[in-house]
All heavy atoms as atom14 arrays in JSON, in Angstrom:
{
  "sequence": "MYILAVPLCTLFYGNADTAPMLRMMAPFAV",
  "atom14_mask": [
    [1, 1, 1, 1, 1, 1, 1, 1, 0, 0, 0, 0, 0, 0],
    [1, 1, 1, 1, 1, 1, 1, 1, 1, 1, 1, 1, 0, 0],
    [1, 1, 1, 1, 1, 1, 1, 1, 0, 0, 0, 0, 0, 0],
    [1, 1, 1, 1, 1, 1, 1, 1, 0, 0, 0, 0, 0, 0],
    [1, 1, 1, 1, 1, 0, 0, 0, 0, 0, 0, 0, 0, 0],
    [1, 1, 1, 1, 1, 1, 1, 0, 0, 0, 0, 0, 0, 0],
    [1, 1, 1, 1, 1, 1, 1, 0, 0, 0, 0, 0, 0, 0],
    [1, 1, 1, 1, 1, 1, 1, 1, 0, 0, 0, 0, 0, 0],
    [1, 1, 1, 1, 1, 1, 0, 0, 0, 0, 0, 0, 0, 0],
    [1, 1, 1, 1, 1, 1, 1, 0, 0, 0, 0, 0, 0, 0],
    [1, 1, 1, 1, 1, 1, 1, 1, 0, 0, 0, 0, 0, 0],
    [1, 1, 1, 1, 1, 1, 1, 1, 1, 1, 1, 0, 0, 0],
    [1, 1, 1, 1, 1, 1, 1, 1, 1, 1, 1, 1, 0, 0],
    [1, 1, 1, 1, 0, 0, 0, 0, 0, 0, 0, 0, 0, 0],
    [1, 1, 1, 1, 1, 1, 1, 1, 0, 0, 0, 0, 0, 0],
    [1, 1, 1, 1, 1, 0, 0, 0, 0, 0, 0, 0, 0, 0],
    [1, 1, 1, 1, 1, 1, 1, 1, 0, 0, 0, 0, 0, 0],
    [1, 1, 1, 1, 1, 1, 1, 0, 0, 0, 0, 0, 0, 0],
    [1, 1, 1, 1, 1, 0, 0, 0, 0, 0, 0, 0, 0, 0],
    [1, 1, 1, 1, 1, 1, 1, 0, 0, 0, 0, 0, 0, 0],
    [1, 1, 1, 1, 1, 1, 1, 1, 0, 0, 0, 0, 0, 0],
    [1, 1, 1, 1, 1, 1, 1, 1, 0, 0, 0, 0, 0, 0],
    [1, 1, 1, 1, 1, 1, 1, 1, 1, 1, 1, 0, 0, 0],
    [1, 1, 1, 1, 1, 1, 1, 1, 0, 0, 0, 0, 0, 0],
    [1, 1, 1, 1, 1, 1, 1, 1, 0, 0, 0, 0, 0, 0],
    [1, 1, 1, 1, 1, 0, 0, 0, 0, 0, 0, 0, 0, 0],
    [1, 1, 1, 1, 1, 1, 1, 0, 0, 0, 0, 0, 0, 0],
    [1, 1, 1, 1, 1, 1, 1, 1, 1, 1, 1, 0, 0, 0],
    [1, 1, 1, 1, 1, 0, 0, 0, 0, 0, 0, 0, 0, 0],
    [1, 1, 1, 1, 1, 1, 1, 0, 0, 0, 0, 0, 0, 0]
  ],
  "atom14_positions": [
    [[-2.86, 0.79, -6.13], [-2.56, 0.46, -4.73], [-1.78, -0.83, -4.66], [-1.02, -0.99, -3.68], [-3.88, 0.37, -3.94], [-4.52, 1.71, -3.65], [-6.01, 1.65, -2.6], [-7.21, 0.95, -3.73], [0.0, 0.0, 0.0], [0.0, 0.0, 0.0], [0.0, 0.0, 0.0], [0.0, 0.0, 0.0], [0.0, 0.0, 0.0], [0.0, 0.0, 0.0]],
    [[-1.94, -1.72, -5.57], [-1.22, -2.97, -5.55], [0.25, -2.76, -6.01], [1.19, -3.22, -5.32], [-1.86, -4.02, -6.46], [-1.15, -5.34, -6.51], [-1.24, -6.27, -5.48], [-0.35, -5.68, -7.63], [-0.54, -7.48, -5.52], [0.34, -6.86, -7.67], [0.23, -7.77, -6.65], [0.91, -8.94, -6.71], [0.0, 0.0, 0.0], [0.0, 0.0, 0.0]],
    [[0.43, -2.12, -7.17], [1.78, -1.94, -7.71], [2.57, -0.94, -6.96], [3.81, -1.12, -6.69], [1.67, -1.55, -9.2], [0.89, -2.62, -10.03], [3.06, -1.33, -9.79], [1.56, -3.94, -10.09], [0.0, 0.0, 0.0], [0.0, 0.0, 0.0], [0.0, 0.0, 0.0], [0.0, 0.0, 0.0], [0.0, 0.0, 0.0], [0.0, 0.0, 0.0]],
    [[1.98, 0.16, -6.57], [2.7, 1.29, -5.92], [2.37, 1.35, -4.43], [2.32, 2.47, -3.87], [2.3, 2.6, -6.63], [2.59, 2.64, -8.15], [2.16, 4.0, -8.69], [4.08, 2.39, -8.41], [0.0, 0.0, 0.0], [0.0, 0.0, 0.0], [0.0, 0.0, 0.0], [0.0, 0.0, 0.0], [0.0, 0.0, 0.0], [0.0, 0.0, 0.0]],
    [[2.19, 0.23, -3.77], [1.84, 0.26, -2.38], [2.94, 0.9, -1.51], [2.61, 1.69, -0.59], [1.6, -1.2, -1.87], [0.0, 0.0, 0.0], [0.0, 0.0, 0.0], [0.0, 0.0, 0.0], [0.0, 0.0, 0.0], [0.0, 0.0, 0.0], [0.0, 0.0, 0.0], [0.0, 0.0, 0.0], [0.0, 0.0, 0.0], [0.0, 0.0, 0.0]],
    [[4.16, 0.63, -1.79], [5.28, 1.19, -0.97], [5.34, 2.7, -1.07], [5.33, 3.4, -0.07], [6.58, 0.53, -1.34], [7.77, 1.24, -0.64], [6.59, -0.96, -0.94], [0.0, 0.0, 0.0], [0.0, 0.0, 0.0], [0.0, 0.0, 0.0], [0.0, 0.0, 0.0], [0.0, 0.0, 0.0], [0.0, 0.0, 0.0], [0.0, 0.0, 0.0]],
    [[5.45, 3.27, -2.3], [5.52, 4.72, -2.37], [4.24, 5.41, -1.93], [4.28, 6.49, -1.35], [5.79, 5.03, -3.88], [5.36, 3.78, -4.57], [5.67, 2.67, -3.63], [0.0, 0.0, 0.0], [0.0, 0.0, 0.0], [0.0, 0.0, 0.0], [0.0, 0.0, 0.0], [0.0, 0.0, 0.0], [0.0, 0.0, 0.0], [0.0, 0.0, 0.0]],
    [[3.07, 4.76, -2.11], [1.81, 5.32, -1.67], [1.76, 5.45, -0.15], [1.43, 6.51, 0.4], [0.64, 4.48, -2.18], [-0.78, 4.93, -1.84], [-1.0, 6.31, -2.44], [-1.82, 3.93, -2.38], [0.0, 0.0, 0.0], [0.0, 0.0, 0.0], [0.0, 0.0, 0.0], [0.0, 0.0, 0.0], [0.0, 0.0, 0.0], [0.0, 0.0, 0.0]],
    [[2.12, 4.39, 0.57], [2.12, 4.45, 2.03], [3.19, 5.38, 2.55], [3.01, 6.03, 3.57], [2.32, 3.03, 2.59], [0.95, 1.9, 2.36], [0.0, 0.0, 0.0], [0.0, 0.0, 0.0], [0.0, 0.0, 0.0], [0.0, 0.0, 0.0], [0.0, 0.0, 0.0], [0.0, 0.0, 0.0], [0.0, 0.0, 0.0], [0.0, 0.0, 0.0]],
    [[4.31, 5.44, 1.88], [5.39, 6.39, 2.28], [4.97, 7.81, 2.18], [5.22, 8.64, 3.06], [6.65, 6.13, 1.45], [7.08, 4.77, 1.56], [7.81, 7.03, 1.89], [0.0, 0.0, 0.0], [0.0, 0.0, 0.0], [0.0, 0.0, 0.0], [0.0, 0.0, 0.0], [0.0, 0.0, 0.0], [0.0, 0.0, 0.0], [0.0, 0.0, 0.0]],
    [[4.28, 8.13, 1.07], [3.81, 9.52, 0.87], [2.67, 9.93, 1.84], [2.68, 11.04, 2.35], [3.3, 9.7, -0.59], [4.42, 9.73, -1.67], [3.72, 9.65, -3.05], [5.26, 10.96, -1.52], [0.0, 0.0, 0.0], [0.0, 0.0, 0.0], [0.0, 0.0, 0.0], [0.0, 0.0, 0.0], [0.0, 0.0, 0.0], [0.0, 0.0, 0.0]],
    [[1.8, 8.96, 2.11], [0.65, 9.31, 2.96], [1.05, 9.28, 4.44], [0.61, 10.13, 5.23], [-0.47, 8.3, 2.75], [-1.45, 8.8, 1.7], [-1.16, 8.69, 0.36], [-2.7, 9.3, 2.03], [-2.02, 9.17, -0.61], [-3.57, 9.78, 1.08], [-3.25, 9.65, -0.25], [0.0, 0.0, 0.0], [0.0, 0.0, 0.0], [0.0, 0.0, 0.0]],
    [[1.81, 8.26, 4.89], [2.0, 8.04, 6.33], [3.49, 8.11, 6.75], [3.77, 7.94, 7.95], [1.48, 6.62, 6.67], [0.05, 6.48, 6.31], [-0.34, 5.42, 5.4], [-0.96, 7.29, 6.78], [-1.65, 5.27, 5.05], [-2.26, 7.14, 6.42], [-2.65, 6.13, 5.56], [-3.95, 5.96, 5.2], [0.0, 0.0, 0.0], [0.0, 0.0, 0.0]],
    [[4.39, 8.44, 5.83], [5.79, 8.66, 6.2], [6.61, 7.4, 6.34], [7.79, 7.48, 6.6], [0.0, 0.0, 0.0], [0.0, 0.0, 0.0], [0.0, 0.0, 0.0], [0.0, 0.0, 0.0], [0.0, 0.0, 0.0], [0.0, 0.0, 0.0], [0.0, 0.0, 0.0], [0.0, 0.0, 0.0], [0.0, 0.0, 0.0], [0.0, 0.0, 0.0]],
    [[6.0, 6.22, 6.21], [6.75, 4.96, 6.25], [5.99, 3.91, 5.44], [4.81, 4.09, 5.13], [7.0, 4.45, 7.66], [5.7, 4.15, 8.38], [5.07, 3.11, 8.1], [5.28, 4.98, 9.33], [0.0, 0.0, 0.0], [0.0, 0.0, 0.0], [0.0, 0.0, 0.0], [0.0, 0.0, 0.0], [0.0, 0.0, 0.0], [0.0, 0.0, 0.0]],
    [[6.68, 2.83, 5.09], [6.08, 1.78, 4.23], [5.72, 0.57, 5.02], [5.53, -0.51, 4.38], [7.1, 1.45, 3.12], [0.0, 0.0, 0.0], [0.0, 0.0, 0.0], [0.0, 0.0, 0.0], [0.0, 0.0, 0.0], [0.0, 0.0, 0.0], [0.0, 0.0, 0.0], [0.0, 0.0, 0.0], [0.0, 0.0, 0.0], [0.0, 0.0, 0.0]],
    [[5.6, 0.63, 6.31], [5.27, -0.56, 7.14], [3.9, -1.19, 6.77], [3.72, -2.39, 6.94], [5.3, -0.17, 8.64], [6.71, 0.19, 9.09], [7.67, -0.14, 8.39], [6.8, 0.82, 10.17], [0.0, 0.0, 0.0], [0.0, 0.0, 0.0], [0.0, 0.0, 0.0], [0.0, 0.0, 0.0], [0.0, 0.0, 0.0], [0.0, 0.0, 0.0]],
    [[2.96, -0.31, 6.35], [1.64, -0.83, 6.06], [1.52, -1.28, 4.6], [0.49, -1.79, 4.21], [0.59, 0.28, 6.27], [0.92, 1.43, 5.53], [0.56, 0.67, 7.77], [0.0, 0.0, 0.0], [0.0, 0.0, 0.0], [0.0, 0.0, 0.0], [0.0, 0.0, 0.0], [0.0, 0.0, 0.0], [0.0, 0.0, 0.0], [0.0, 0.0, 0.0]],
    [[2.57, -1.09, 3.8], [2.49, -1.46, 2.37], [2.14, -2.96, 2.12], [1.34, -3.22, 1.21], [3.81, -1.1, 1.67], [0.0, 0.0, 0.0], [0.0, 0.0, 0.0], [0.0, 0.0, 0.0], [0.0, 0.0, 0.0], [0.0, 0.0, 0.0], [0.0, 0.0, 0.0], [0.0, 0.0, 0.0], [0.0, 0.0, 0.0], [0.0, 0.0, 0.0]],
    [[2.74, -3.92, 2.85], [2.38, -5.32, 2.6], [0.87, -5.59, 2.81], [0.29, -6.36, 2.07], [3.22, -6.13, 3.6], [4.37, -5.22, 3.86], [3.84, -3.8, 3.83], [0.0, 0.0, 0.0], [0.0, 0.0, 0.0], [0.0, 0.0, 0.0], [0.0, 0.0, 0.0], [0.0, 0.0, 0.0], [0.0, 0.0, 0.0], [0.0, 0.0, 0.0]],
    [[0.26, -4.97, 3.82], [-1.16, -5.11, 4.04], [-1.95, -4.57, 2.87], [-2.93, -5.19, 2.4], [-1.61, -4.42, 5.34], [-0.95, -4.91, 6.59], [-1.62, -4.01, 8.05], [-0.46, -4.45, 9.3], [0.0, 0.0, 0.0], [0.0, 0.0, 0.0], [0.0, 0.0, 0.0], [0.0, 0.0, 0.0], [0.0, 0.0, 0.0], [0.0, 0.0, 0.0]],
    [[-1.55, -3.34, 2.44], [-2.29, -2.7, 1.33], [-2.17, -3.54, 0.05], [-3.16, -3.73, -0.67], [-1.7, -1.31, 1.12], [-2.35, -0.49, -0.01], [-3.83, -0.26, 0.27], [-1.67, 0.82, -0.2], [0.0, 0.0, 0.0], [0.0, 0.0, 0.0], [0.0, 0.0, 0.0], [0.0, 0.0, 0.0], [0.0, 0.0, 0.0], [0.0, 0.0, 0.0]],
    [[-1.01, -4.04, -0.24], [-0.79, -4.83, -1.46], [-1.63, -6.12, -1.41], [-2.14, -6.56, -2.46], [0.69, -5.14, -1.64], [1.0, -5.98, -2.89], [2.46, -6.19, -3.14], [3.08, -4.95, -3.55], [4.08, -4.37, -2.87], [4.52, -4.88, -1.73], [4.66, -3.28, -3.36], [0.0, 0.0, 0.0], [0.0, 0.0, 0.0], [0.0, 0.0, 0.0]],
    [[-1.71, -6.73, -0.25], [-2.49, -7.98, -0.11], [-3.98, -7.73, -0.34], [-4.68, -8.54, -0.98], [-2.25, -8.52, 1.28], [-2.88, -9.87, 1.51], [-2.49, -10.54, 3.17], [-3.39, -12.06, 3.14], [0.0, 0.0, 0.0], [0.0, 0.0, 0.0], [0.0, 0.0, 0.0], [0.0, 0.0, 0.0], [0.0, 0.0, 0.0], [0.0, 0.0, 0.0]],
    [[-4.49, -6.59, 0.11], [-5.92, -6.35, 0.05], [-6.38, -5.64, -1.21], [-7.55, -5.71, -1.62], [-6.37, -5.48, 1.27], [-6.09, -6.16, 2.61], [-6.73, -5.15, 3.98], [-8.51, -5.45, 3.84], [0.0, 0.0, 0.0], [0.0, 0.0, 0.0], [0.0, 0.0, 0.0], [0.0, 0.0, 0.0], [0.0, 0.0, 0.0], [0.0, 0.0, 0.0]],
    [[-5.47, -4.96, -1.91], [-5.83, -4.08, -3.02], [-6.65, -4.82, -4.14], [-7.65, -4.29, -4.6], [-4.61, -3.43, -3.6], [0.0, 0.0, 0.0], [0.0, 0.0, 0.0], [0.0, 0.0, 0.0], [0.0, 0.0, 0.0], [0.0, 0.0, 0.0], [0.0, 0.0, 0.0], [0.0, 0.0, 0.0], [0.0, 0.0, 0.0], [0.0, 0.0, 0.0]],
    [[-6.18, -5.99, -4.6], [-6.92, -6.66, -5.69], [-8.36, -6.93, -5.36], [-9.22, -7.05, -6.25], [-6.15, -7.96, -5.94], [-4.75, -7.67, -5.39], [-4.98, -6.77, -4.23], [0.0, 0.0, 0.0], [0.0, 0.0, 0.0], [0.0, 0.0, 0.0], [0.0, 0.0, 0.0], [0.0, 0.0, 0.0], [0.0, 0.0, 0.0], [0.0, 0.0, 0.0]],
    [[-8.68, -7.14, -4.05], [-10.0, -7.51, -3.63], [-10.91, -6.33, -3.29], [-12.03, -6.48, -2.95], [-9.92, -8.45, -2.45], [-9.15, -9.72, -2.73], [-7.77, -9.78, -2.44], [-9.76, -10.81, -3.31], [-7.07, -10.92, -2.71], [-9.03, -11.98, -3.6], [-7.68, -12.03, -3.31], [0.0, 0.0, 0.0], [0.0, 0.0, 0.0], [0.0, 0.0, 0.0]],
    [[-10.3, -5.1, -3.41], [-11.11, -3.9, -3.13], [-12.18, -3.68, -4.14], [-13.2, -3.05, -3.84], [-10.15, -2.66, -3.12], [0.0, 0.0, 0.0], [0.0, 0.0, 0.0], [0.0, 0.0, 0.0], [0.0, 0.0, 0.0], [0.0, 0.0, 0.0], [0.0, 0.0, 0.0], [0.0, 0.0, 0.0], [0.0, 0.0, 0.0], [0.0, 0.0, 0.0]],
    [[-12.01, -4.27, -5.35], [-13.04, -4.13, -6.39], [-14.37, -4.69, -5.9], [-15.45, -4.19, -6.24], [-12.56, -4.81, -7.67], [-13.64, -4.74, -8.73], [-11.27, -4.19, -8.2], [0.0, 0.0, 0.0], [0.0, 0.0, 0.0], [0.0, 0.0, 0.0], [0.0, 0.0, 0.0], [0.0, 0.0, 0.0], [0.0, 0.0, 0.0], [0.0, 0.0, 0.0]]
  ]
}
């Protein structure tokens, strides 16, 4: 989720606007 935030958000939601939020939070999801 951290490294591939942009393609992940694009595939799921059709755009990458949420990718910065996902990348910021991903390391702390553990």
